[in-house]
C-alpha atoms as a PDB file:
ATOM      1  CA  MET A   1      38.272  99.007  99.358  1.00  0.00           C
ATOM      2  CA  GLU A   2      34.778  97.625  98.941  1.00  0.00           C
ATOM      3  CA  LYS A   3      34.030  96.103  95.544  1.00  0.00           C
ATOM      4  CA  THR A   4      30.952  96.880  93.483  1.00  0.00           C
ATOM      5  CA  LEU A   5      28.553  94.235  92.280  1.00  0.00           C
ATOM      6  CA  PRO A   6      29.964  92.188  89.384  1.00  0.00           C
ATOM      7  CA  TYR A   7      29.680  94.147  86.158  1.00  0.00           C
ATOM      8  CA  SER A   8      28.047  91.116  84.546  1.00  0.00           C
ATOM      9  CA  TRP A   9      24.993  91.835  86.720  1.00  0.00           C
ATOM     10  CA  TYR A  10      24.437  94.990  84.666  1.00  0.00           C
ATOM     11  CA  THR A  11      24.266  93.150  81.347  1.00  0.00           C
ATOM     12  CA  ASP A  12      22.895  89.650  82.011  1.00  0.00           C
ATOM     13  CA  PRO A  13      19.210  89.029  81.068  1.00  0.00           C
ATOM     14  CA  GLU A  14      18.977  86.235  83.650  1.00  0.00           C
ATOM     15  CA  ILE A  15      19.990  88.624  86.429  1.00  0.00           C
ATOM     16  CA  LEU A  16      17.283  91.027  85.291  1.00  0.00           C
ATOM     17  CA  ARG A  17      14.701  88.229  85.326  1.00  0.00           C
ATOM     18  CA  LEU A  18      15.631  87.428  88.913  1.00  0.00           C
ATOM     19  CA  GLU A  19      15.551  91.098  89.890  1.00  0.00           C
ATOM     20  CA  ARG A  20      12.030  91.435  88.561  1.00  0.00           C
ATOM     21  CA  GLU A  21      10.907  88.286  90.348  1.00  0.00           C
ATOM     22  CA  ARG A  22      12.675  88.687  93.688  1.00  0.00           C
ATOM     23  CA  ILE A  23      13.090  92.446  94.075  1.00  0.00           C
ATOM     24  CA  LEU A  24      10.637  94.497  92.014  1.00  0.00           C
ATOM     25  CA  LEU A  25       7.479  92.371  92.059  1.00  0.00           C
ATOM     26  CA  PRO A  26       7.242  92.199  95.883  1.00  0.00           C
ATOM     27  CA  ALA A  27       7.944  95.948  96.308  1.00  0.00           C
ATOM     28  CA  TRP A  28       5.522  98.851  96.591  1.00  0.00           C
ATOM     29  CA  GLN A  29       5.782 100.964  93.446  1.00  0.00           C
ATOM     30  CA  TYR A  30       4.778 104.569  92.892  1.00  0.00           C
ATOM     31  CA  VAL A  31       2.218 104.489  90.063  1.00  0.00           C
ATOM     32  CA  GLY A  32       0.500 107.892  89.955  1.00  0.00           C
ATOM     33  CA  HIS A  33      -1.376 110.424  92.042  1.00  0.00           C
ATOM     34  CA  THR A  34      -4.837 110.971  93.447  1.00  0.00           C
ATOM     35  CA  GLY A  35      -5.381 113.984  91.189  1.00  0.00           C
ATOM     36  CA  GLN A  36      -5.827 111.476  88.379  1.00  0.00           C
ATOM     37  CA  LEU A  37      -8.892 110.180  90.225  1.00  0.00           C
ATOM     38  CA  ALA A  38     -10.544 113.419  91.307  1.00  0.00           C
ATOM     39  CA  GLN A  39     -13.753 112.003  89.779  1.00  0.00           C
ATOM     40  CA  PRO A  40     -14.896 108.374  89.674  1.00  0.00           C
ATOM     41  CA  GLY A  41     -12.763 106.603  87.088  1.00  0.00           C
ATOM     42  CA  TYR A  42      -9.414 104.937  86.599  1.00  0.00           C
ATOM     43  CA  PHE A  43      -5.841 105.214  85.432  1.00  0.00           C
ATOM     44  CA  ALA A  44      -3.641 102.487  83.995  1.00  0.00           C
ATOM     45  CA  ALA A  45      -0.071 101.949  85.179  1.00  0.00           C
ATOM     46  CA  GLU A  46       2.575  99.264  85.541  1.00  0.00           C
ATOM     47  CA  VAL A  47       4.227  97.703  88.576  1.00  0.00           C
ATOM     48  CA  GLY A  48       7.510  96.520  87.145  1.00  0.00           C
ATOM     49  CA  ARG A  49       6.173  94.844  84.000  1.00  0.00           C
ATOM     50  CA  THR A  50       2.812  93.946  85.540  1.00  0.00           C
ATOM     51  CA  PRO A  51      -0.046  96.008  84.070  1.00  0.00           C
ATOM     52  CA  ILE A  52      -2.474  97.339  86.664  1.00  0.00           C
ATOM     53  CA  VAL A  53      -5.427  99.693  86.795  1.00  0.00           C
ATOM     54  CA  VAL A  54      -6.224 101.914  89.780  1.00  0.00           C
ATOM     55  CA  THR A  55      -9.870 102.921  90.279  1.00  0.00           C
ATOM     56  CA  ARG A  56     -11.930 105.204  92.506  1.00  0.00           C
ATOM     57  CA  ASP A  57     -15.708 104.796  92.673  1.00  0.00           C
ATOM     58  CA  ARG A  58     -18.450 107.225  93.693  1.00  0.00           C
ATOM     59  CA  ASP A  59     -17.981 106.279  97.351  1.00  0.00           C
ATOM     60  CA  GLY A  60     -14.338 107.344  97.131  1.00  0.00           C
ATOM     61  CA  ASP A  61     -12.972 103.827  97.548  1.00  0.00           C
ATOM     62  CA  LEU A  62      -9.533 103.369  95.983  1.00  0.00           C
ATOM     63  CA  ARG A  63      -8.850  99.957  94.488  1.00  0.00           C
ATOM     64  CA  GLY A  64      -6.280  98.280  92.284  1.00  0.00           C
ATOM     65  CA  PHE A  65      -6.546  95.362  89.857  1.00  0.00           C
ATOM     66  CA  LEU A  66      -4.492  93.547  87.291  1.00  0.00           C
ATOM     67  CA  ASN A  67      -5.174  95.312  84.015  1.00  0.00           C
ATOM     68  CA  VAL A  68      -6.054  92.017  82.326  1.00  0.00           C
ATOM     69  CA  CYS A  69      -9.489  91.006  81.067  1.00  0.00           C
ATOM     70  CA  ARG A  70     -10.608  87.700  82.561  1.00  0.00           C
ATOM     71  CA  HIS A  71     -11.918  86.519  79.177  1.00  0.00           C
ATOM     72  CA  ARG A  72      -8.901  86.249  76.856  1.00  0.00           C
ATOM     73  CA  GLY A  73      -6.242  88.331  78.636  1.00  0.00           C
ATOM     74  CA  HIS A  74      -6.426  91.569  76.632  1.00  0.00           C
ATOM     75  CA  ALA A  75      -5.209  94.698  78.396  1.00  0.00           C
ATOM     76  CA  LEU A  76      -8.373  96.259  79.728  1.00  0.00           C
ATOM     77  CA  ALA A  77      -7.680  99.944  80.252  1.00  0.00           C
ATOM     78  CA  ALA A  78      -5.328 102.573  78.830  1.00  0.00           C
ATOM     79  CA  GLY A  79      -4.511 106.071  79.988  1.00  0.00           C
ATOM     80  CA  GLU A  80      -6.926 107.624  82.443  1.00  0.00           C
ATOM     81  CA  GLN A  81     -10.639 108.341  82.215  1.00  0.00           C
ATOM     82  CA  SER A  82     -13.532 109.547  84.350  1.00  0.00           C
ATOM     83  CA  ARG A  83     -16.211 106.904  83.864  1.00  0.00           C
ATOM     84  CA  GLU A  84     -18.208 104.332  85.821  1.00  0.00           C
ATOM     85  CA  THR A  85     -16.982 101.167  84.115  1.00  0.00           C
ATOM     86  CA  LEU A  86     -14.016  99.537  82.406  1.00  0.00           C
ATOM     87  CA  GLN A  87     -14.716  97.839  79.098  1.00  0.00           C
ATOM     88  CA  CYS A  88     -12.398  95.494  77.257  1.00  0.00           C
ATOM     89  CA  PRO A  89     -11.833  96.652  73.649  1.00  0.00           C
ATOM     90  CA  TYR A  90     -11.675  93.039  72.398  1.00  0.00           C
ATOM     91  CA  HIS A  91     -15.112  91.580  73.210  1.00  0.00           C
ATOM     92  CA  ALA A  92     -16.674  94.336  75.361  1.00  0.00           C
ATOM     93  CA  TRP A  93     -16.593  92.509  78.667  1.00  0.00           C
ATOM     94  CA  THR A  94     -17.498  95.263  81.099  1.00  0.00           C
ATOM     95  CA  TYR A  95     -16.418  95.648  84.734  1.00  0.00           C
ATOM     96  CA  GLY A  96     -17.413  98.018  87.497  1.00  0.00           C
ATOM     97  CA  LEU A  97     -14.878 100.187  89.278  1.00  0.00           C
ATOM     98  CA  ASP A  98     -15.121  97.663  92.110  1.00  0.00           C
ATOM     99  CA  GLY A  99     -13.737  95.005  89.755  1.00  0.00           C
ATOM    100  CA  ARG A 100     -16.929  92.973  89.439  1.00  0.00           C
ATOM    101  CA  LEU A 101     -17.896  91.676  86.017  1.00  0.00           C
ATOM    102  CA  ARG A 102     -20.996  93.609  84.981  1.00  0.00           C
ATOM    103  CA  LYS A 103     -21.624  92.303  81.469  1.00  0.00           C
ATOM    104  CA  ALA A 104     -20.204  89.648  79.175  1.00  0.00           C
ATOM    105  CA  PRO A 105     -21.946  89.696  75.781  1.00  0.00           C
ATOM    106  CA  ARG A 106     -23.726  86.391  74.992  1.00  0.00           C
ATOM    107  CA  SER A 107     -23.037  85.041  78.474  1.00  0.00           C
ATOM    108  CA  GLU A 108     -26.743  84.239  78.724  1.00  0.00           C
ATOM    109  CA  GLU A 109     -26.136  81.602  76.059  1.00  0.00           C
ATOM    110  CA  GLU A 110     -23.614  79.845  78.303  1.00  0.00           C
ATOM    111  CA  PRO A 111     -25.063  77.367  80.814  1.00  0.00           C
ATOM    112  CA  ASP A 112     -24.013  78.162  84.400  1.00  0.00           C
ATOM    113  CA  PHE A 113     -21.854  81.099  83.332  1.00  0.00           C
ATOM    114  CA  PRO A 114     -19.750  81.894  86.476  1.00  0.00           C
ATOM    115  CA  GLN A 115     -20.117  85.676  86.323  1.00  0.00           C
ATOM    116  CA  ASP A 116     -19.449  86.190  90.037  1.00  0.00           C
ATOM    117  CA  GLU A 117     -16.132  84.365  89.739  1.00  0.00           C
ATOM    118  CA  LEU A 118     -14.776  86.403  86.822  1.00  0.00           C
ATOM    119  CA  GLY A 119     -14.082  89.747  88.436  1.00  0.00           C
ATOM    120  CA  LEU A 120     -10.750  91.469  88.007  1.00  0.00           C
ATOM    121  CA  VAL A 121      -7.816  90.157  90.049  1.00  0.00           C
ATOM    122  CA  PRO A 122      -7.097  92.637  92.886  1.00  0.00           C
ATOM    123  CA  VAL A 123      -3.732  94.143  93.778  1.00  0.00           C
ATOM    124  CA  ALA A 124      -2.870  96.187  96.854  1.00  0.00           C
ATOM    125  CA  VAL A 125      -3.041  99.986  96.575  1.00  0.00           C
ATOM    126  CA  ASP A 126      -2.509 102.734  99.137  1.00  0.00           C
ATOM    127  CA  THR A 127      -1.521 106.394  99.311  1.00  0.00           C
ATOM    128  CA  TRP A 128       0.860 108.736 101.060  1.00  0.00           C
ATOM    129  CA  GLY A 129      -0.518 112.222 100.641  1.00  0.00           C
ATOM    130  CA  PRO A 130      -1.364 112.586  96.927  1.00  0.00           C
ATOM    131  CA  PHE A 131       1.040 109.793  95.941  1.00  0.00           C
ATOM    132  CA  ALA A 132      -0.516 106.470  94.884  1.00  0.00           C
ATOM    133  CA  PHE A 133       1.352 103.190  95.284  1.00  0.00           C
ATOM    134  CA  ALA A 134       0.572  99.645  94.196  1.00  0.00           C
ATOM    135  CA  ASN A 135       1.968  96.239  95.057  1.00  0.00           C
ATOM    136  CA  ALA A 136       1.267  93.249  92.821  1.00  0.00           C
ATOM    137  CA  GLY A 137       3.124  90.742  94.970  1.00  0.00           C
ATOM    138  CA  PRO A 138       1.618  88.211  97.376  1.00  0.00           C
ATOM    139  CA  ASP A 139       0.923  89.338 100.973  1.00  0.00           C
ATOM    140  CA  PRO A 140       2.560  92.790 100.754  1.00  0.00           C
ATOM    141  CA  GLU A 141       3.590  94.579 103.919  1.00  0.00           C
ATOM    142  CA  PRO A 142       1.560  97.717 104.748  1.00  0.00           C
ATOM    143  CA  LEU A 143       2.662 100.770 102.794  1.00  0.00           C
ATOM    144  CA  PRO A 144       3.491 102.835 105.934  1.00  0.00           C
ATOM    145  CA  GLN A 145       5.877 100.092 107.008  1.00  0.00           C
ATOM    146  CA  ALA A 146       7.525 100.104 103.581  1.00  0.00           C
ATOM    147  CA  LEU A 147       7.903 103.912 103.593  1.00  0.00           C
ATOM    148  CA  GLY A 148       9.630 103.841 106.977  1.00  0.00           C
ATOM    149  CA  SER A 149      10.852 107.251 108.139  1.00  0.00           C
ATOM    150  CA  LEU A 150      10.367 108.893 104.736  1.00  0.00           C
ATOM    151  CA  PRO A 151       7.116 110.784 105.571  1.00  0.00           C
ATOM    152  CA  ALA A 152       8.567 111.999 108.894  1.00  0.00           C
ATOM    153  CA  GLN A 153      11.770 113.266 107.253  1.00  0.00           C
ATOM    154  CA  VAL A 154       9.794 115.156 104.606  1.00  0.00           C
ATOM    155  CA  ALA A 155       7.493 116.659 107.249  1.00  0.00           C
ATOM    156  CA  GLU A 156      10.508 117.680 109.366  1.00  0.00           C
ATOM    157  CA  LEU A 157      11.769 119.710 106.432  1.00  0.00           C
ATOM    158  CA  GLY A 158       8.527 121.683 106.596  1.00  0.00           C
ATOM    159  CA  LEU A 159       6.899 120.283 103.450  1.00  0.00           C
ATOM    160  CA  ASP A 160       3.189 119.427 103.736  1.00  0.00           C
ATOM    161  CA  VAL A 161       2.669 116.822 101.025  1.00  0.00           C
ATOM    162  CA  ASP A 162      -1.128 116.986 101.370  1.00  0.00           C
ATOM    163  CA  SER A 163      -1.071 120.599 100.154  1.00  0.00           C
ATOM    164  CA  LEU A 164       0.870 119.854  96.966  1.00  0.00           C
ATOM    165  CA  VAL A 165      -0.676 120.066  93.496  1.00  0.00           C
ATOM    166  CA  HIS A 166       0.435 117.963  90.548  1.00  0.00           C
ATOM    167  CA  HIS A 167       2.034 120.006  87.795  1.00  0.00           C
ATOM    168  CA  SER A 168       3.474 117.710  85.112  1.00  0.00           C
ATOM    169  CA  ARG A 169       5.115 114.404  84.326  1.00  0.00           C
ATOM    170  CA  TRP A 170       8.551 113.924  82.768  1.00  0.00           C
ATOM    171  CA  GLU A 171       9.367 110.634  81.011  1.00  0.00           C
ATOM    172  CA  ALA A 172      12.490 109.206  79.396  1.00  0.00           C
ATOM    173  CA  GLU A 173      14.175 106.004  78.282  1.00  0.00           C
ATOM    174  CA  ILE A 174      17.842 105.769  79.194  1.00  0.00           C
ATOM    175  CA  ALA A 175      20.428 103.466  77.600  1.00  0.00           C
ATOM    176  CA  ALA A 176      21.695 102.081  80.904  1.00  0.00           C
ATOM    177  CA  ASN A 177      20.892  99.349  83.396  1.00  0.00           C
ATOM    178  CA  TRP A 178      18.402 100.356  86.090  1.00  0.00           C
ATOM    179  CA  LYS A 179      20.984  99.755  88.836  1.00  0.00           C
ATOM    180  CA  ILE A 180      23.443 102.157  87.198  1.00  0.00           C
ATOM    181  CA  VAL A 181      20.714 104.804  87.072  1.00  0.00           C
ATOM    182  CA  SER A 182      19.862 104.151  90.730  1.00  0.00           C
ATOM    183  CA  GLU A 183      23.490 104.245  91.847  1.00  0.00           C
ATOM    184  CA  ASN A 184      24.070 107.546  90.082  1.00  0.00           C
ATOM    185  CA  PHE A 185      21.111 108.959  92.027  1.00  0.00           C
ATOM    186  CA  LEU A 186      22.653 107.701  95.277  1.00  0.00           C
ATOM    187  CA  GLU A 187      25.852 109.760  95.281  1.00  0.00           C
ATOM    188  CA  CYS A 188      26.892 113.343  94.829  1.00  0.00           C
ATOM    189  CA  TYR A 189      30.599 112.509  94.629  1.00  0.00           C
ATOM    190  CA  HIS A 190      30.239 113.405  90.942  1.00  0.00           C
ATOM    191  CA  CYS A 191      28.323 116.650  91.480  1.00  0.00           C
ATOM    192  CA  GLN A 192      31.195 119.119  91.632  1.00  0.00           C
ATOM    193  CA  VAL A 193      32.600 117.620  88.430  1.00  0.00           C
ATOM    194  CA  ALA A 194      29.445 116.961  86.421  1.00  0.00           C
ATOM    195  CA  HIS A 195      26.812 119.351  87.870  1.00  0.00           C
ATOM    196  CA  PRO A 196      28.390 122.811  88.241  1.00  0.00           C
ATOM    197  CA  ALA A 197      25.041 124.649  88.414  1.00  0.00           C
ATOM    198  CA  PHE A 198      23.737 122.264  91.071  1.00  0.00           C
ATOM    199  CA  SER A 199      26.936 122.644  93.097  1.00  0.00           C
ATOM    200  CA  GLU A 200      26.612 126.428  92.948  1.00  0.00           C
ATOM    201  CA  LEU A 201      23.123 126.168  94.470  1.00  0.00           C
ATOM    202  CA  VAL A 202      23.646 123.346  96.992  1.00  0.00           C
ATOM    203  CA  ASP A 203      26.709 122.903  99.191  1.00  0.00           C
ATOM    204  CA  THR A 204      27.999 119.488  98.111  1.00  0.00           C
ATOM    205  CA  SER A 205      31.202 119.561 100.158  1.00  0.00           C
ATOM    206  CA  PRO A 206      31.752 116.492 102.361  1.00  0.00           C
ATOM    207  CA  GLY A 207      31.188 118.399 105.602  1.00  0.00           C
ATOM    208  CA  ALA A 208      27.887 119.901 104.512  1.00  0.00           C
ATOM    209  CA  TYR A 209      26.315 117.260 102.294  1.00  0.00           C
ATOM    210  CA  VAL A 210      24.998 114.614 104.700  1.00  0.00           C
ATOM    211  CA  LEU A 211      24.276 110.983 103.787  1.00  0.00           C
ATOM    212  CA  SER A 212      22.166 108.621 105.898  1.00  0.00           C
ATOM    213  CA  THR A 213      20.364 105.287 105.717  1.00  0.00           C
ATOM    214  CA  ASP A 214      17.373 103.981 107.624  1.00  0.00           C
ATOM    215  CA  GLY A 215      16.244 100.487 106.676  1.00  0.00           C
ATOM    216  CA  ARG A 216      15.562 100.530 102.940  1.00  0.00           C
ATOM    217  CA  LEU A 217      15.651 104.329 102.812  1.00  0.00           C
ATOM    218  CA  SER A 218      18.730 106.277 101.706  1.00  0.00           C
ATOM    219  CA  THR A 219      18.781 110.064 102.116  1.00  0.00           C
ATOM    220  CA  GLN A 220      20.987 112.942 100.996  1.00  0.00           C
ATOM    221  CA  HIS A 221      20.671 116.333 102.718  1.00  0.00           C
ATOM    222  CA  GLY A 222      22.176 119.348 101.016  1.00  0.00           C
ATOM    223  CA  PRO A 223      21.945 122.921 102.397  1.00  0.00           C
ATOM    224  CA  LEU A 224      21.565 125.987 100.224  1.00  0.00           C
ATOM    225  CA  ARG A 225      24.791 127.916  99.887  1.00  0.00           C
ATOM    226  CA  THR A 226      22.848 131.152 100.405  1.00  0.00           C
ATOM    227  CA  VAL A 227      19.504 131.156 102.242  1.00  0.00           C
ATOM    228  CA  THR A 228      17.103 134.073 101.786  1.00  0.00           C
ATOM    229  CA  PRO A 229      13.896 134.900 103.709  1.00  0.00           C
ATOM    230  CA  ALA A 230      11.902 133.742 100.659  1.00  0.00           C
ATOM    231  CA  ASP A 231      13.262 130.198 100.908  1.00  0.00           C
ATOM    232  CA  GLU A 232      10.590 128.131 102.668  1.00  0.00           C
ATOM    233  CA  LEU A 233      12.747 125.013 102.303  1.00  0.00           C
ATOM    234  CA  PRO A 234      16.330 125.827 103.385  1.00  0.00           C
ATOM    235  CA  ARG A 235      17.906 122.603 102.143  1.00  0.00           C
ATOM    236  CA  ALA A 236      17.477 119.817  99.649  1.00  0.00           C
ATOM    237  CA  GLN A 237      16.370 116.291 100.450  1.00  0.00           C
ATOM    238  CA  PHE A 238      16.975 113.497  97.967  1.00  0.00           C
ATOM    239  CA  HIS A 239      15.469 110.179  99.028  1.00  0.00           C
ATOM    240  CA  PHE A 240      15.795 106.736  97.497  1.00  0.00           C
ATOM    241  CA  LEU A 241      13.489 104.002  98.736  1.00  0.00           C
ATOM    242  CA  TRP A 242      14.955 100.647  97.772  1.00  0.00           C
ATOM    243  CA  PRO A 243      14.583  99.082  95.331  1.00  0.00           C
ATOM    244  CA  ASN A 244      13.789 101.799  92.770  1.00  0.00           C
ATOM    245  CA  LEU A 245      11.959 104.923  93.964  1.00  0.00           C
ATOM    246  CA  GLY A 246      13.603 108.331  93.646  1.00  0.00           C
ATOM    247  CA  ILE A 247      12.320 111.489  95.357  1.00  0.00           C
ATOM    248  CA  ASN A 248      13.712 115.000  94.901  1.00  0.00           C
ATOM    249  CA  ILE A 249      12.951 118.010  97.078  1.00  0.00           C
ATOM    250  CA  PHE A 250      14.830 121.148  96.047  1.00  0.00           C
ATOM    251  CA  PRO A 251      15.444 124.143  98.297  1.00  0.00           C
ATOM    252  CA  GLY A 252      13.226 127.181  97.980  1.00  0.00           C
ATOM    253  CA  CYS A 253       9.477 126.937  97.429  1.00  0.00           C
ATOM    254  CA  PRO A 254       7.366 123.836  98.268  1.00  0.00           C
ATOM    255  CA  ASN A 255       8.145 121.184  95.666  1.00  0.00           C
ATOM    256  CA  ILE A 256       8.680 117.478  95.216  1.00  0.00           C
ATOM    257  CA  SER A 257       9.251 115.145  92.291  1.00  0.00           C
ATOM    258  CA  ILE A 258       8.748 111.424  92.635  1.00  0.00           C
ATOM    259  CA  GLY A 259       8.980 108.426  90.355  1.00  0.00           C
ATOM    260  CA  PRO A 260      10.306 104.918  89.805  1.00  0.00           C
ATOM    261  CA  ILE A 261      13.394 103.654  87.978  1.00  0.00           C
ATOM    262  CA  VAL A 262      12.046 100.781  85.860  1.00  0.00           C
ATOM    263  CA  PRO A 263      14.139  98.236  83.953  1.00  0.00           C
ATOM    264  CA  LEU A 264      13.037  97.605  80.370  1.00  0.00           C
ATOM    265  CA  ALA A 265      16.039  95.489  79.365  1.00  0.00           C
ATOM    266  CA  PRO A 266      19.508  94.870  80.814  1.00  0.00           C
ATOM    267  CA  ASP A 267      20.745  97.995  79.044  1.00  0.00           C
ATOM    268  CA  ARG A 268      17.607 100.151  79.015  1.00  0.00           C
ATOM    269  CA  THR A 269      15.652 101.912  81.762  1.00  0.00           C
ATOM    270  CA  TYR A 270      12.382 103.829  81.831  1.00  0.00           C
ATOM    271  CA  ARG A 271      12.007 106.754  84.204  1.00  0.00           C
ATOM    272  CA  PHE A 272       9.178 109.074  84.979  1.00  0.00           C
ATOM    273  CA  LEU A 273       8.923 111.870  87.515  1.00  0.00           C
ATOM    274  CA  ASP A 274       5.712 113.499  88.674  1.00  0.00           C
ATOM    275  CA  TYR A 275       6.327 117.112  89.711  1.00  0.00           C
ATOM    276  CA  PHE A 276       4.249 118.674  92.494  1.00  0.00           C
ATOM    277  CA  PHE A 277       4.328 122.219  93.832  1.00  0.00           C
ATOM    278  CA  GLY A 278       2.647 124.232  96.541  1.00  0.00           C
ATOM    279  CA  PRO A 279      -0.578 125.892  95.368  1.00  0.00           C
ATOM    280  CA  ASP A 280       0.879 129.409  95.668  1.00  0.00           C
ATOM    281  CA  VAL A 281       4.252 128.843  94.012  1.00  0.00           C
ATOM    282  CA  GLU A 282       4.862 131.366  91.230  1.00  0.00           C
ATOM    283  CA  PRO A 283       4.856 129.896  87.685  1.00  0.00           C
ATOM    284  CA  ALA A 284       8.192 131.580  86.919  1.00  0.00           C
ATOM    285  CA  TRP A 285       9.843 129.780  89.863  1.00  0.00           C
ATOM    286  CA  ILE A 286       8.407 126.478  88.648  1.00  0.00           C
ATOM    287  CA  ASP A 287       9.686 127.086  85.118  1.00  0.00           C
ATOM    288  CA  ASP A 288      13.161 127.872  86.437  1.00  0.00           C
ATOM    289  CA  LEU A 289      13.238 124.727  88.580  1.00  0.00           C
ATOM    290  CA  LEU A 290      12.062 122.488  85.742  1.00  0.00           C
ATOM    291  CA  ALA A 291      14.735 123.912  83.426  1.00  0.00           C
ATOM    292  CA  PHE A 292      17.372 123.488  86.133  1.00  0.00           C
ATOM    293  CA  ASP A 293      16.350 119.886  86.846  1.00  0.00           C
ATOM    294  CA  ASP A 294      16.244 119.096  83.131  1.00  0.00           C
ATOM    295  CA  GLN A 295      19.833 120.286  82.788  1.00  0.00           C
ATOM    296  CA  VAL A 296      20.946 118.098  85.714  1.00  0.00           C
ATOM    297  CA  GLY A 297      19.041 115.182  84.202  1.00  0.00           C
ATOM    298  CA  ARG A 298      20.739 115.553  80.837  1.00  0.00           C
ATOM    299  CA  GLU A 299      24.123 115.653  82.547  1.00  0.00           C
ATOM    300  CA  ASP A 300      23.270 112.479  84.480  1.00  0.00           C
ATOM    301  CA  ARG A 301      22.053 110.726  81.346  1.00  0.00           C
ATOM    302  CA  THR A 302      25.440 111.230  79.698  1.00  0.00           C
ATOM    303  CA  LEU A 303      27.156 109.793  82.775  1.00  0.00           C
ATOM    304  CA  VAL A 304      25.081 106.645  83.223  1.00  0.00           C
ATOM    305  CA  GLU A 305      25.097 105.788  79.535  1.00  0.00           C
ATOM    306  CA  GLY A 306      28.883 106.113  79.617  1.00  0.00           C
ATOM    307  CA  VAL A 307      29.038 103.709  82.555  1.00  0.00           C
ATOM    308  CA  GLN A 308      26.874 101.226  80.672  1.00  0.00           C
ATOM    309  CA  ARG A 309      29.214 101.268  77.697  1.00  0.00           C
ATOM    310  CA  GLY A 310      32.131 100.632  80.025  1.00  0.00           C
ATOM    311  CA  VAL A 311      30.625  97.674  81.900  1.00  0.00           C
ATOM    312  CA  GLU A 312      29.359  96.125  78.650  1.00  0.00           C
ATOM    313  CA  SER A 313      32.922  95.916  77.357  1.00  0.00           C
ATOM    314  CA  GLY A 314      33.587  92.987  79.674  1.00  0.00           C
ATOM    315  CA  ALA A 315      37.119  94.233  80.147  1.00  0.00           C
ATOM    316  CA  VAL A 316      36.806  94.714  83.915  1.00  0.00           C
ATOM    317  CA  GLU A 317      35.017  92.430  86.400  1.00  0.00           C
ATOM    318  CA  HIS A 318      33.948  95.035  88.957  1.00  0.00           C
ATOM    319  CA  GLY A 319      34.649  98.495  90.329  1.00  0.00           C
ATOM    320  CA  VAL A 320      35.333  99.873  93.809  1.00  0.00           C
ATOM    321  CA  LEU A 321      33.423 102.201  96.142  1.00  0.00           C
ATOM    322  CA  MET A 322      34.596 105.190  98.150  1.00  0.00           C
ATOM    323  CA  SER A 323      33.593 104.269 101.699  1.00  0.00           C
ATOM    324  CA  GLU A 324      32.301 107.715 102.702  1.00  0.00           C
ATOM    325  CA  SER A 325      31.163 109.426  99.508  1.00  0.00           C
ATOM    326  CA  GLU A 326      29.534 106.304  98.036  1.00  0.00           C
ATOM    327  CA  GLN A 327      28.155 104.676 101.168  1.00  0.00           C
ATOM    328  CA  LEU A 328      24.581 104.831  99.839  1.00  0.00           C
ATOM    329  CA  ILE A 329      25.615 102.814  96.794  1.00  0.00           C
ATOM    330  CA  ALA A 330      27.131 100.219  99.108  1.00  0.00           C
ATOM    331  CA  HIS A 331      23.832 100.103 101.004  1.00  0.00           C
ATOM    332  CA  PHE A 332      21.865  99.684  97.747  1.00  0.00           C
ATOM    333  CA  GLN A 333      24.161  96.946  96.500  1.00  0.00           C
ATOM    334  CA  ALA A 334      24.039  95.048  99.791  1.00  0.00           C
ATOM    335  CA  LEU A 335      20.215  95.058  99.772  1.00  0.00           C
ATOM    336  CA  THR A 336      20.177  93.986  96.119  1.00  0.00           C
ATOM    337  CA  ALA A 337      22.671  91.161  96.557  1.00  0.00           C
ATOM    338  CA  ALA A 338      20.841  89.857  99.627  1.00  0.00           C
ATOM    339  CA  ALA A 339      17.512  89.853  97.796  1.00  0.00           C
ATOM    340  CA  LEU A 340      18.908  88.035  94.754  1.00  0.00           C
ATOM    341  CA  ARG A 341      20.343  85.297  96.989  1.00  0.00           C
ATOM    342  CA  LEU A 342      23.087  84.407  94.492  1.00  0.00           C
END
């Protein structure tokens, strides 16, 4: 049987440092949505542990910058605001939404002050539908290339992402390594045991629940056990774009939730999911789905935190993978090991 990654990789701070440097920094990361920039303004986010700010000016141009003032390094922006400038709270250095330094108090007292050279450091940003992505690494590949067949698979399901409206954001910190959280997302071998309500809705039997990979994309397709005429989406799609992006599409009405799996420490992970729905979806259906997904999430949290306690014991060097049911984990681990080059 195929072995898992060494369990020490789920506890070692040096492994996490390498993962941030070699895996997460060069990757496109989901950071927010265009609804946050319906008016000229900005929102702050992070790419891994790199603070960024995404802006949109009056001309509609979307830009991204390191969220670091060029004066003394203070974080420049927080939250999201509709305004024409970004101003550092430390010494009031002020930048336009295009990143150019507009005003540095007392700069007129400095001979040959290089104002034109002190704009914000740019980072790459791009969108897929309403979903905003950023890449803080050097020479990033184009976002469409990174997404691969993901947009086509979602469109084939019949979901028009451009029509979706942002509803809410869920956030949590989980006491488990980010890879354990990702690997739990990548298999439904545990669903019939740990997610009885989910398994009543979606057929998770081996013959019906289909797993596939395409480049860095891993996908799970699960049909509804009972399809009604009201179900616009007859099956679920759960996508994972390596290294750390999870996407859920549940059967029924138009919906999607999307968000990254972000390491905070070897044993702690931050997650957020932005929920989007079709403009005509009934509020009661949305409430039911959010409650359902919250229940599944709480069940998963118990599982991954239990795995973390087990691997931290140091009693066992590695685990094993079921070749069919856990093939997406094998794919994830192969990509991760290759990128770490250890």
